[in-house]
C-alpha atoms as a PDB file:
ATOM      1  CA  MET A   1     138.171 124.147 124.933  1.00  0.00           C
ATOM      2  CA  LEU A   2     136.232 123.664 121.717  1.00  0.00           C
ATOM      3  CA  PRO A   3     132.708 122.251 122.009  1.00  0.00           C
ATOM      4  CA  LYS A   4     131.976 118.772 120.778  1.00  0.00           C
ATOM      5  CA  PRO A   5     130.096 118.439 117.481  1.00  0.00           C
ATOM      6  CA  PRO A   6     126.445 117.373 117.708  1.00  0.00           C
ATOM      7  CA  ALA A   7     125.700 113.662 117.834  1.00  0.00           C
ATOM      8  CA  LYS A   8     125.054 112.020 114.496  1.00  0.00           C
ATOM      9  CA  GLU A   9     121.553 110.864 113.711  1.00  0.00           C
ATOM     10  CA  PRO A  10     121.439 107.066 113.787  1.00  0.00           C
ATOM     11  CA  ALA A  11     121.170 105.270 110.464  1.00  0.00           C
ATOM     12  CA  LEU A  12     117.950 103.583 109.491  1.00  0.00           C
ATOM     13  CA  ASN A  13     117.779  99.943 110.458  1.00  0.00           C
ATOM     14  CA  PHE A  14     117.765  97.258 107.792  1.00  0.00           C
ATOM     15  CA  ILE A  15     116.712  93.610 107.891  1.00  0.00           C
ATOM     16  CA  TYR A  16     116.508  91.409 104.797  1.00  0.00           C
ATOM     17  CA  ILE A  17     113.929  88.630 105.068  1.00  0.00           C
ATOM     18  CA  GLU A  18     113.637  87.179 101.598  1.00  0.00           C
ATOM     19  CA  PRO A  19     112.048  88.548  99.474  1.00  0.00           C
ATOM     20  CA  TYR A  20     111.461  91.718 101.514  1.00  0.00           C
ATOM     21  CA  ARG A  21     113.595  94.498 102.914  1.00  0.00           C
ATOM     22  CA  ILE A  22     112.420  95.877 106.254  1.00  0.00           C
ATOM     23  CA  VAL A  23     113.771  99.407 106.634  1.00  0.00           C
ATOM     24  CA  GLY A  24     113.069 101.978 109.295  1.00  0.00           C
ATOM     25  CA  SER A  25     113.187 102.976 112.928  1.00  0.00           C
ATOM     26  CA  SER A  26     110.849 102.487 115.867  1.00  0.00           C
ATOM     27  CA  VAL A  27     111.368 103.766 119.410  1.00  0.00           C
ATOM     28  CA  ALA A  28     108.460 103.903 121.838  1.00  0.00           C
ATOM     29  CA  GLY A  29     107.147 107.423 122.355  1.00  0.00           C
ATOM     30  CA  GLU A  30     109.608 108.971 119.867  1.00  0.00           C
ATOM     31  CA  ALA A  31     108.891 107.877 116.315  1.00  0.00           C
ATOM     32  CA  THR A  32     107.929 104.807 114.320  1.00  0.00           C
ATOM     33  CA  THR A  33     108.259 104.509 110.552  1.00  0.00           C
ATOM     34  CA  ILE A  34     108.863 101.193 108.783  1.00  0.00           C
ATOM     35  CA  MET A  35     108.799 100.540 105.062  1.00  0.00           C
ATOM     36  CA  VAL A  36     108.720  97.475 102.843  1.00  0.00           C
ATOM     37  CA  PRO A  37     109.968  98.817  99.488  1.00  0.00           C
ATOM     38  CA  GLU A  38     108.990  95.721  97.518  1.00  0.00           C
ATOM     39  CA  LEU A  39     105.354  96.332  98.489  1.00  0.00           C
ATOM     40  CA  ASP A  40     105.569 100.109  97.920  1.00  0.00           C
ATOM     41  CA  VAL A  41     104.350 100.670 101.487  1.00  0.00           C
ATOM     42  CA  VAL A  42     105.543 102.656 104.481  1.00  0.00           C
ATOM     43  CA  PHE A  43     103.793 101.894 107.772  1.00  0.00           C
ATOM     44  CA  ASP A  44     103.385 104.933 110.021  1.00  0.00           C
ATOM     45  CA  LEU A  45     105.305 108.173 109.668  1.00  0.00           C
ATOM     46  CA  GLY A  46     106.312 109.383 113.103  1.00  0.00           C
ATOM     47  CA  SER A  47     109.252 110.884 111.240  1.00  0.00           C
ATOM     48  CA  CYS A  48     110.029 111.091 107.536  1.00  0.00           C
ATOM     49  CA  PRO A  49     113.529 110.039 106.494  1.00  0.00           C
ATOM     50  CA  ARG A  50     114.216 110.702 102.818  1.00  0.00           C
ATOM     51  CA  SER A  51     114.243 106.965 102.100  1.00  0.00           C
ATOM     52  CA  MET A  52     110.506 106.762 102.781  1.00  0.00           C
ATOM     53  CA  LEU A  53     109.535 109.159  99.989  1.00  0.00           C
ATOM     54  CA  PRO A  54     109.401 106.710  97.042  1.00  0.00           C
ATOM     55  CA  CYS A  55     106.778 104.527  98.735  1.00  0.00           C
ATOM     56  CA  LYS A  56     103.402 105.177  97.100  1.00  0.00           C
ATOM     57  CA  TRP A  57     101.290 104.207 100.118  1.00  0.00           C
ATOM     58  CA  ALA A  58     101.529 105.501 103.690  1.00  0.00           C
ATOM     59  CA  CYS A  59      99.543 103.295 106.081  1.00  0.00           C
ATOM     60  CA  ILE A  60      98.771 105.113 109.325  1.00  0.00           C
ATOM     61  CA  THR A  61      97.652 103.051 112.309  1.00  0.00           C
ATOM     62  CA  HIS A  62      96.493 105.794 114.678  1.00  0.00           C
ATOM     63  CA  GLY A  63      96.798 109.458 115.490  1.00  0.00           C
ATOM     64  CA  HIS A  64      99.525 109.536 118.156  1.00  0.00           C
ATOM     65  CA  MET A  65     102.271 111.961 117.177  1.00  0.00           C
ATOM     66  CA  ASP A  66     105.044 109.344 117.203  1.00  0.00           C
ATOM     67  CA  HIS A  67     103.166 107.575 114.387  1.00  0.00           C
ATOM     68  CA  VAL A  68     101.836 110.493 112.360  1.00  0.00           C
ATOM     69  CA  GLY A  69     104.228 113.414 112.972  1.00  0.00           C
ATOM     70  CA  GLY A  70     106.022 113.080 109.608  1.00  0.00           C
ATOM     71  CA  LEU A  71     102.947 112.512 107.438  1.00  0.00           C
ATOM     72  CA  ALA A  72     102.437 116.075 106.169  1.00  0.00           C
ATOM     73  CA  TYR A  73     106.160 116.393 105.424  1.00  0.00           C
ATOM     74  CA  TRP A  74     106.052 113.095 103.466  1.00  0.00           C
ATOM     75  CA  CYS A  75     103.223 114.428 101.294  1.00  0.00           C
ATOM     76  CA  SER A  76     104.978 117.762 100.820  1.00  0.00           C
ATOM     77  CA  GLN A  77     108.332 116.234  99.883  1.00  0.00           C
ATOM     78  CA  ARG A  78     106.776 113.750  97.454  1.00  0.00           C
ATOM     79  CA  ASN A  79     105.201 116.716  95.695  1.00  0.00           C
ATOM     80  CA  PHE A  80     108.429 118.736  95.832  1.00  0.00           C
ATOM     81  CA  GLN A  81     110.444 115.829  94.385  1.00  0.00           C
ATOM     82  CA  GLY A  82     107.938 115.237  91.584  1.00  0.00           C
ATOM     83  CA  MET A  83     106.861 111.822  92.919  1.00  0.00           C
ATOM     84  CA  GLY A  84     103.127 112.460  92.734  1.00  0.00           C
ATOM     85  CA  PRO A  85     100.481 112.878  95.423  1.00  0.00           C
ATOM     86  CA  GLY A  86     100.832 110.886  98.625  1.00  0.00           C
ATOM     87  CA  ASN A  87      98.253 108.167  99.218  1.00  0.00           C
ATOM     88  CA  ILE A  88      97.292 108.064 102.901  1.00  0.00           C
ATOM     89  CA  VAL A  89      95.623 104.907 104.186  1.00  0.00           C
ATOM     90  CA  CYS A  90      94.139 105.245 107.658  1.00  0.00           C
ATOM     91  CA  PRO A  91      91.332 104.060 109.922  1.00  0.00           C
ATOM     92  CA  ALA A  92      88.045 105.644 108.808  1.00  0.00           C
ATOM     93  CA  ALA A  93      87.569 106.921 112.368  1.00  0.00           C
ATOM     94  CA  ILE A  94      90.538 109.301 112.109  1.00  0.00           C
ATOM     95  CA  ALA A  95      90.259 110.247 108.430  1.00  0.00           C
ATOM     96  CA  PRO A  96      88.432 113.562 109.170  1.00  0.00           C
ATOM     97  CA  ALA A  97      91.149 114.569 111.658  1.00  0.00           C
ATOM     98  CA  ILE A  98      93.910 113.789 109.151  1.00  0.00           C
ATOM     99  CA  GLN A  99      92.039 115.776 106.496  1.00  0.00           C
ATOM    100  CA  LYS A 100      91.770 118.716 108.883  1.00  0.00           C
ATOM    101  CA  MET A 101      95.484 118.474 109.795  1.00  0.00           C
ATOM    102  CA  MET A 102      96.544 118.464 106.147  1.00  0.00           C
ATOM    103  CA  GLU A 103      94.268 121.388 105.296  1.00  0.00           C
ATOM    104  CA  GLY A 104      95.774 123.354 108.185  1.00  0.00           C
ATOM    105  CA  TYR A 105      99.087 123.475 106.323  1.00  0.00           C
ATOM    106  CA  ILE A 106      97.467 125.353 103.435  1.00  0.00           C
ATOM    107  CA  ASP A 107      97.191 128.494 105.551  1.00  0.00           C
ATOM    108  CA  LEU A 108     100.693 128.031 106.939  1.00  0.00           C
ATOM    109  CA  GLU A 109     102.447 127.419 103.620  1.00  0.00           C
ATOM    110  CA  ARG A 110     100.168 129.488 101.364  1.00  0.00           C
ATOM    111  CA  GLN A 111     100.067 126.557  98.990  1.00  0.00           C
ATOM    112  CA  LYS A 112      98.142 123.314  98.635  1.00  0.00           C
ATOM    113  CA  THR A 113     100.034 120.036  98.817  1.00  0.00           C
ATOM    114  CA  PRO A 114      98.270 117.279  96.846  1.00  0.00           C
ATOM    115  CA  PHE A 115      97.333 114.116  98.718  1.00  0.00           C
ATOM    116  CA  LYS A 116      94.585 111.515  98.764  1.00  0.00           C
ATOM    117  CA  ILE A 117      93.118 109.857 101.860  1.00  0.00           C
ATOM    118  CA  HIS A 118      91.889 106.271 101.624  1.00  0.00           C
ATOM    119  CA  PRO A 119      89.863 105.606 104.804  1.00  0.00           C
ATOM    120  CA  LEU A 120      89.378 101.942 105.662  1.00  0.00           C
ATOM    121  CA  GLU A 121      86.741 100.499 107.934  1.00  0.00           C
ATOM    122  CA  PRO A 122      87.681  97.342 109.866  1.00  0.00           C
ATOM    123  CA  GLU A 123      88.064  94.464 107.386  1.00  0.00           C
ATOM    124  CA  GLY A 124      88.126  96.947 104.512  1.00  0.00           C
ATOM    125  CA  THR A 125      90.594  96.226 101.707  1.00  0.00           C
ATOM    126  CA  LEU A 126      92.508  98.303  99.192  1.00  0.00           C
ATOM    127  CA  GLN A 127      94.492  97.095  96.180  1.00  0.00           C
ATOM    128  CA  ILE A 128      98.063  98.416  96.265  1.00  0.00           C
ATOM    129  CA  LYS A 129      99.668  96.274  93.544  1.00  0.00           C
ATOM    130  CA  PRO A 130      98.386  93.690  91.057  1.00  0.00           C
ATOM    131  CA  ASN A 131      96.824  90.876  93.112  1.00  0.00           C
ATOM    132  CA  VAL A 132      98.110  92.468  96.352  1.00  0.00           C
ATOM    133  CA  PHE A 133      95.730  94.046  98.865  1.00  0.00           C
ATOM    134  CA  LEU A 134      95.860  95.842 102.203  1.00  0.00           C
ATOM    135  CA  ARG A 135      93.349  94.816 104.848  1.00  0.00           C
ATOM    136  CA  ALA A 136      92.581  96.922 107.925  1.00  0.00           C
ATOM    137  CA  ILE A 137      92.164  95.039 111.204  1.00  0.00           C
ATOM    138  CA  THR A 138      90.940  96.472 114.498  1.00  0.00           C
ATOM    139  CA  LEU A 139      93.517  96.777 117.281  1.00  0.00           C
ATOM    140  CA  GLU A 140      92.966  97.624 120.945  1.00  0.00           C
ATOM    141  CA  HIS A 141      94.728 100.841 121.920  1.00  0.00           C
ATOM    142  CA  THR A 142      93.953 104.043 123.803  1.00  0.00           C
ATOM    143  CA  VAL A 143      92.736 105.734 120.590  1.00  0.00           C
ATOM    144  CA  PRO A 144      91.081 104.370 117.426  1.00  0.00           C
ATOM    145  CA  THR A 145      93.714 102.113 115.876  1.00  0.00           C
ATOM    146  CA  CYS A 146      93.993  99.597 113.098  1.00  0.00           C
ATOM    147  CA  GLY A 147      96.744  97.266 112.026  1.00  0.00           C
ATOM    148  CA  TYR A 148      97.243  96.005 108.496  1.00  0.00           C
ATOM    149  CA  THR A 149      97.766  92.737 106.720  1.00  0.00           C
ATOM    150  CA  VAL A 150      99.129  92.597 103.182  1.00  0.00           C
ATOM    151  CA  ILE A 151      97.444  89.808 101.252  1.00  0.00           C
ATOM    152  CA  GLU A 152      98.227  88.261  97.890  1.00  0.00           C
ATOM    153  CA  ARG A 153      95.214  86.816  96.101  1.00  0.00           C
ATOM    154  CA  ARG A 154      95.834  83.891  93.761  1.00  0.00           C
ATOM    155  CA  SER A 155      93.304  82.336  91.407  1.00  0.00           C
ATOM    156  CA  LYS A 156      93.244  78.525  91.323  1.00  0.00           C
ATOM    157  CA  LEU A 157      91.083  75.942  89.597  1.00  0.00           C
ATOM    158  CA  LYS A 158      88.560  74.335  91.889  1.00  0.00           C
ATOM    159  CA  PRO A 159      89.660  70.782  92.759  1.00  0.00           C
ATOM    160  CA  GLU A 160      86.805  69.173  90.846  1.00  0.00           C
ATOM    161  CA  TYR A 161      87.940  70.747  87.577  1.00  0.00           C
ATOM    162  CA  VAL A 162      91.656  69.975  87.837  1.00  0.00           C
ATOM    163  CA  GLY A 163      92.777  67.752  84.945  1.00  0.00           C
ATOM    164  CA  LEU A 164      89.908  68.603  82.591  1.00  0.00           C
ATOM    165  CA  PRO A 165      90.897  69.507  79.017  1.00  0.00           C
ATOM    166  CA  GLN A 166      90.979  73.194  78.106  1.00  0.00           C
ATOM    167  CA  GLU A 167      88.009  72.789  75.751  1.00  0.00           C
ATOM    168  CA  LYS A 168      85.830  71.501  78.594  1.00  0.00           C
ATOM    169  CA  LEU A 169      86.948  74.324  80.922  1.00  0.00           C
ATOM    170  CA  THR A 170      86.090  76.887  78.250  1.00  0.00           C
ATOM    171  CA  GLU A 171      82.678  75.296  77.778  1.00  0.00           C
ATOM    172  CA  LEU A 172      81.978  75.455  81.516  1.00  0.00           C
ATOM    173  CA  LYS A 173      82.980  79.119  81.685  1.00  0.00           C
ATOM    174  CA  GLU A 174      80.753  79.978  78.723  1.00  0.00           C
ATOM    175  CA  ARG A 175      77.833  78.323  80.526  1.00  0.00           C
ATOM    176  CA  GLY A 176      78.484  80.595  83.521  1.00  0.00           C
ATOM    177  CA  THR A 177      80.045  77.993  85.787  1.00  0.00           C
ATOM    178  CA  GLU A 178      82.562  79.381  88.273  1.00  0.00           C
ATOM    179  CA  ILE A 179      85.572  77.128  87.840  1.00  0.00           C
ATOM    180  CA  THR A 180      88.134  79.015  89.912  1.00  0.00           C
ATOM    181  CA  ARG A 181      88.570  79.914  93.560  1.00  0.00           C
ATOM    182  CA  PHE A 182      90.705  82.570  95.204  1.00  0.00           C
ATOM    183  CA  LEU A 183      93.388  81.775  97.728  1.00  0.00           C
ATOM    184  CA  GLU A 184      94.639  84.440 100.134  1.00  0.00           C
ATOM    185  CA  ILE A 185      98.346  84.345 101.007  1.00  0.00           C
ATOM    186  CA  PRO A 186      99.212  86.592 103.985  1.00  0.00           C
ATOM    187  CA  LEU A 187     102.533  88.256 103.202  1.00  0.00           C
ATOM    188  CA  VAL A 188     103.091  90.824 105.952  1.00  0.00           C
ATOM    189  CA  ALA A 189     101.184  91.739 109.114  1.00  0.00           C
ATOM    190  CA  TYR A 190     101.767  95.103 110.828  1.00  0.00           C
ATOM    191  CA  ILE A 191     100.615  95.226 114.468  1.00  0.00           C
ATOM    192  CA  PHE A 192     101.313  98.676 116.045  1.00  0.00           C
ATOM    193  CA  ASP A 193     100.124  99.735 118.735  1.00  0.00           C
ATOM    194  CA  THR A 194      97.949  97.297 120.626  1.00  0.00           C
ATOM    195  CA  ALA A 195      97.081  95.428 123.764  1.00  0.00           C
ATOM    196  CA  PRO A 196      96.857  91.635 123.469  1.00  0.00           C
ATOM    197  CA  GLY A 197      93.574  90.638 121.892  1.00  0.00           C
ATOM    198  CA  ALA A 198      91.735  88.698 119.211  1.00  0.00           C
ATOM    199  CA  ALA A 199      93.582  90.419 116.366  1.00  0.00           C
ATOM    200  CA  LEU A 200      96.797  88.568 117.248  1.00  0.00           C
ATOM    201  CA  LEU A 201      95.105  85.215 116.664  1.00  0.00           C
ATOM    202  CA  ARG A 202      93.597  85.995 113.265  1.00  0.00           C
ATOM    203  CA  GLU A 203      94.643  83.619 110.518  1.00  0.00           C
ATOM    204  CA  ASP A 204      95.911  86.409 108.261  1.00  0.00           C
ATOM    205  CA  VAL A 205      98.124  87.583 111.144  1.00  0.00           C
ATOM    206  CA  ARG A 206      99.334  84.258 112.579  1.00  0.00           C
ATOM    207  CA  LYS A 207     100.136  82.863 109.118  1.00  0.00           C
ATOM    208  CA  ALA A 208     101.731  85.964 107.640  1.00  0.00           C
ATOM    209  CA  GLN A 209     105.214  85.309 106.299  1.00  0.00           C
ATOM    210  CA  ILE A 210     106.532  88.290 108.259  1.00  0.00           C
ATOM    211  CA  ILE A 211     104.980  89.902 111.323  1.00  0.00           C
ATOM    212  CA  LEU A 212     106.041  93.442 112.198  1.00  0.00           C
ATOM    213  CA  THR A 213     104.925  94.104 115.741  1.00  0.00           C
ATOM    214  CA  GLU A 214     105.336  96.364 118.699  1.00  0.00           C
ATOM    215  CA  CYS A 215     106.532  95.114 122.064  1.00  0.00           C
ATOM    216  CA  THR A 216     107.007  98.084 124.344  1.00  0.00           C
ATOM    217  CA  PHE A 217     107.687  96.570 127.768  1.00  0.00           C
ATOM    218  CA  PHE A 218     110.105  93.830 128.830  1.00  0.00           C
ATOM    219  CA  GLU A 219     110.573  94.136 132.582  1.00  0.00           C
ATOM    220  CA  PRO A 220     108.442  91.860 134.829  1.00  0.00           C
ATOM    221  CA  ASP A 221     107.339  94.889 136.848  1.00  0.00           C
ATOM    222  CA  ASP A 222     106.036  96.642 133.713  1.00  0.00           C
ATOM    223  CA  LYS A 223     103.022  94.411 133.078  1.00  0.00           C
ATOM    224  CA  GLU A 224     100.679  96.919 134.687  1.00  0.00           C
ATOM    225  CA  ARG A 225     102.167  99.781 132.672  1.00  0.00           C
ATOM    226  CA  ALA A 226     101.631  97.765 129.488  1.00  0.00           C
ATOM    227  CA  LYS A 227      98.029  97.132 130.474  1.00  0.00           C
ATOM    228  CA  ILE A 228      97.340 100.809 131.222  1.00  0.00           C
ATOM    229  CA  GLY A 229      99.016 102.038 128.042  1.00  0.00           C
ATOM    230  CA  MET A 230      97.444  99.212 126.006  1.00  0.00           C
ATOM    231  CA  HIS A 231     100.742  97.908 124.668  1.00  0.00           C
ATOM    232  CA  LEU A 232     102.285  94.461 124.385  1.00  0.00           C
ATOM    233  CA  HIS A 233     104.481  93.082 127.148  1.00  0.00           C
ATOM    234  CA  VAL A 234     107.109  90.460 126.384  1.00  0.00           C
ATOM    235  CA  SER A 235     105.033  87.852 128.225  1.00  0.00           C
ATOM    236  CA  ASP A 236     102.257  88.462 125.670  1.00  0.00           C
ATOM    237  CA  LEU A 237     104.790  88.053 122.882  1.00  0.00           C
ATOM    238  CA  VAL A 238     105.990  84.699 124.223  1.00  0.00           C
ATOM    239  CA  GLU A 239     102.453  83.296 124.277  1.00  0.00           C
ATOM    240  CA  TRP A 240     101.700  84.710 120.830  1.00  0.00           C
ATOM    241  CA  LEU A 241     104.818  83.215 119.259  1.00  0.00           C
ATOM    242  CA  ARG A 242     103.717  79.742 120.298  1.00  0.00           C
ATOM    243  CA  VAL A 243     100.873  79.905 117.755  1.00  0.00           C
ATOM    244  CA  CYS A 244     102.429  82.095 115.043  1.00  0.00           C
ATOM    245  CA  GLU A 245     103.519  80.415 111.821  1.00  0.00           C
ATOM    246  CA  CYS A 246     105.573  83.321 110.493  1.00  0.00           C
ATOM    247  CA  LYS A 247     109.080  82.711 109.241  1.00  0.00           C
ATOM    248  CA  ALA A 248     110.168  85.930 110.939  1.00  0.00           C
ATOM    249  CA  MET A 249     108.888  88.401 113.509  1.00  0.00           C
ATOM    250  CA  VAL A 250     110.381  91.895 113.685  1.00  0.00           C
ATOM    251  CA  ILE A 251     109.918  93.758 116.957  1.00  0.00           C
ATOM    252  CA  GLY A 252     109.751  97.542 117.172  1.00  0.00           C
ATOM    253  CA  HIS A 253     108.451 100.236 119.538  1.00  0.00           C
ATOM    254  CA  VAL A 254     110.908  99.108 122.216  1.00  0.00           C
ATOM    255  CA  SER A 255     111.563 101.642 124.969  1.00  0.00           C
ATOM    256  CA  ARG A 256     115.040 103.175 125.229  1.00  0.00           C
ATOM    257  CA  ARG A 257     115.108 101.879 128.809  1.00  0.00           C
ATOM    258  CA  THR A 258     115.179  98.305 127.500  1.00  0.00           C
ATOM    259  CA  ASN A 259     118.495  96.456 127.402  1.00  0.00           C
ATOM    260  CA  LEU A 260     118.245  94.504 124.136  1.00  0.00           C
ATOM    261  CA  ALA A 261     120.820  91.921 125.180  1.00  0.00           C
ATOM    262  CA  ILE A 262     118.823  91.050 128.299  1.00  0.00           C
ATOM    263  CA  ALA A 263     115.546  91.107 126.355  1.00  0.00           C
ATOM    264  CA  LYS A 264     116.903  88.634 123.783  1.00  0.00           C
ATOM    265  CA  SER A 265     118.353  86.400 126.474  1.00  0.00           C
ATOM    266  CA  ASN A 266     114.994  86.237 128.244  1.00  0.00           C
ATOM    267  CA  LEU A 267     113.216  85.432 124.977  1.00  0.00           C
ATOM    268  CA  ILE A 268     115.563  82.514 124.327  1.00  0.00           C
ATOM    269  CA  LYS A 269     114.958  81.166 127.844  1.00  0.00           C
ATOM    270  CA  SER A 270     111.189  81.417 127.420  1.00  0.00           C
ATOM    271  CA  LEU A 271     110.871  80.164 123.845  1.00  0.00           C
ATOM    272  CA  GLY A 272     113.888  78.004 123.206  1.00  0.00           C
ATOM    273  CA  ARG A 273     116.549  78.766 120.633  1.00  0.00           C
ATOM    274  CA  ASP A 274     114.597  77.544 117.579  1.00  0.00           C
ATOM    275  CA  LYS A 275     111.582  79.800 118.078  1.00  0.00           C
ATOM    276  CA  ALA A 276     113.659  82.715 119.327  1.00  0.00           C
ATOM    277  CA  ASP A 277     115.774  82.621 116.153  1.00  0.00           C
ATOM    278  CA  ARG A 278     112.725  83.825 114.228  1.00  0.00           C
ATOM    279  CA  VAL A 279     112.638  87.055 116.251  1.00  0.00           C
ATOM    280  CA  HIS A 280     114.581  90.160 115.219  1.00  0.00           C
ATOM    281  CA  PHE A 281     114.729  93.518 116.978  1.00  0.00           C
ATOM    282  CA  LEU A 282     114.515  96.352 114.448  1.00  0.00           C
ATOM    283  CA  GLN A 283     116.679  98.652 116.593  1.00  0.00           C
ATOM    284  CA  ASP A 284     119.427  96.054 117.142  1.00  0.00           C
ATOM    285  CA  GLY A 285     121.689  97.458 114.456  1.00  0.00           C
ATOM    286  CA  LYS A 286     124.753  95.394 115.400  1.00  0.00           C
ATOM    287  CA  ALA A 287     122.945  92.045 115.265  1.00  0.00           C
ATOM    288  CA  ASN A 288     121.161  92.995 112.041  1.00  0.00           C
ATOM    289  CA  ARG A 289     124.427  94.011 110.357  1.00  0.00           C
ATOM    290  CA  GLU A 290     126.075  90.761 111.419  1.00  0.00           C
ATOM    291  CA  ARG A 291     123.109  88.782 110.112  1.00  0.00           C
ATOM    292  CA  TYR A 292     123.316  90.580 106.779  1.00  0.00           C
ATOM    293  CA  GLU A 293     127.048  89.880 106.570  1.00  0.00           C
ATOM    294  CA  ARG A 294     126.257  86.172 106.959  1.00  0.00           C
ATOM    295  CA  GLN A 295     123.626  86.434 104.240  1.00  0.00           C
ATOM    296  CA  LEU A 296     126.183  87.969 101.908  1.00  0.00           C
ATOM    297  CA  MET A 297     128.666  85.206 102.727  1.00  0.00           C
ATOM    298  CA  ASP A 298     126.053  82.502 102.118  1.00  0.00           C
ATOM    299  CA  ALA A 299     125.178  84.103  98.772  1.00  0.00           C
ATOM    300  CA  GLY A 300     128.848  84.307  97.791  1.00  0.00           C
ATOM    301  CA  GLU A 301     128.503  88.073  97.461  1.00  0.00           C
ATOM    302  CA  HIS A 302     130.449  89.405 100.412  1.00  0.00           C
ATOM    303  CA  PRO A 303     132.954  92.107  99.361  1.00  0.00           C
ATOM    304  CA  LEU A 304     135.827  89.948 100.659  1.00  0.00           C
ATOM    305  CA  GLN A 305     134.659  87.046  98.507  1.00  0.00           C
ATOM    306  CA  GLN A 306     134.231  89.317  95.502  1.00  0.00           C
ATOM    307  CA  LYS A 307     137.720  90.718  95.988  1.00  0.00           C
ATOM    308  CA  GLY A 308     139.229  87.268  96.286  1.00  0.00           C
ATOM    309  CA  ALA A 309     137.461  86.097  93.141  1.00  0.00           C
ATOM    310  CA  ALA A 310     138.198  89.228  91.111  1.00  0.00           C
ATOM    311  CA  GLY A 311     140.920  87.519  89.151  1.00  0.00           C
ATOM    312  CA  GLY A 312     138.920  84.362  88.557  1.00  0.00           C
ATOM    313  CA  GLY A 313     135.537  85.664  87.479  1.00  0.00           C
ATOM    314  CA  GLY A 314     133.829  84.738  90.744  1.00  0.00           C
ATOM    315  CA  GLY A 315     130.583  86.110  92.093  1.00  0.00           C
ATOM    316  CA  ARG A 316     126.984  85.432  91.185  1.00  0.00           C
ATOM    317  CA  GLY A 317     125.635  88.856  90.357  1.00  0.00           C
ATOM    318  CA  GLY A 318     123.897  91.463  92.463  1.00  0.00           C
ATOM    319  CA  PHE A 319     122.181  90.517  95.683  1.00  0.00           C
ATOM    320  CA  ARG A 320     118.765  92.128  95.623  1.00  0.00           C
ATOM    321  CA  GLY A 321     118.581  92.618  99.354  1.00  0.00           C
ATOM    322  CA  ARG A 322     121.778  94.687  99.518  1.00  0.00           C
ATOM    323  CA  PRO A 323     121.442  98.224 100.855  1.00  0.00           C
ATOM    324  CA  PRO A 324     122.737 100.654  98.186  1.00  0.00           C
ATOM    325  CA  ARG A 325     126.179 102.100  98.824  1.00  0.00           C
ATOM    326  CA  ASP A 326     125.119 105.649  98.034  1.00  0.00           C
ATOM    327  CA  GLY A 327     122.472 105.513 100.783  1.00  0.00           C
ATOM    328  CA  GLY A 328     124.948 104.917 103.579  1.00  0.00           C
ATOM    329  CA  GLU A 329     124.943 102.191 106.173  1.00  0.00           C
ATOM    330  CA  GLY A 330     121.437 100.938 106.748  1.00  0.00           C
ATOM    331  CA  ARG A 331     119.916 103.510 104.372  1.00  0.00           C
ATOM    332  CA  VAL A 332     118.016 102.936 101.168  1.00  0.00           C
ATOM    333  CA  SER A 333     118.063 105.437  98.337  1.00  0.00           C
ATOM    334  CA  SER A 334     115.307 105.969  95.817  1.00  0.00           C
ATOM    335  CA  ARG A 335     117.477 104.335  93.122  1.00  0.00           C
ATOM    336  CA  SER A 336     117.454 101.043  95.040  1.00  0.00           C
ATOM    337  CA  PHE A 337     113.720 100.489  94.710  1.00  0.00           C
ATOM    338  CA  PRO A 338     112.381  97.935  92.237  1.00  0.00           C
ATOM    339  CA  PRO A 339     110.187  99.191  89.371  1.00  0.00           C
ATOM    340  CA  ARG A 340     106.584  99.561  90.371  1.00  0.00           C
ATOM    341  CA  SER A 341     104.251  97.104  88.756  1.00  0.00           C
END
């Protein structure tokens, strides 16, 4: 009898939450890597699928292997593909260890891969795009760990100067009067790995448009395990969601032992349908594909609609959230990324 072929590697997971694509994979203890192409950021690199290479910034939360195992390969492949040096953002506390790890490959490979480390202290910020900044926030885990919020800064006139003629505003500026103020708009919060704590209640986390978070344990008997491992339990998630203002929360770092159908059912019972509808499991490929099919239908861009309208000039143009066909189901190719600003 002939042997069976090896199992296929699962496709990357894909969720479109306008205006962002969330692409990646996250399984507790195995590997976590999640990118937001529109922000040019990949969070953690426990593994390094090819799709992650075009991202300019790699934001590492902590030094556990399932979050950092693919980092050196990411830097090497970016160099090999002519994409430029990798920019590594990490907690300042682990920057020397990452530097040492990367330098260790010089002796192994007999060549030097270019990279740049950007260590961030808690509350430190780094500009990654025009008017868009990363902020490091302290998380509570078994090793030094930070999460990240992505913030857009917008300049607005101070209320007392609204309505004044341009000539008057120019005069005030020339006299040295500060006439503008900066607003911070939290876009995305990334919370991996952590125990429940003050970071979850921060304004730039609670009010982020999208929260990407771990939730490792779902069984009632696993609360003590979550506490020891300093991870989130679903009971923590339920309480947190009551105060979050995000339009969507994406859950990763779920254990393979977790039955997603039961986990979702329990969330609905605890939160109610309205709040639970904001929650998406990154690894729930079937539900995410069905959701995307509905998005295509709502946009009038489903292949069946396009086929039916082919003779009548139907369709409304390309849907920006669509995964590229050449990347395969759930994959994103480098050609699908928007131009960097």
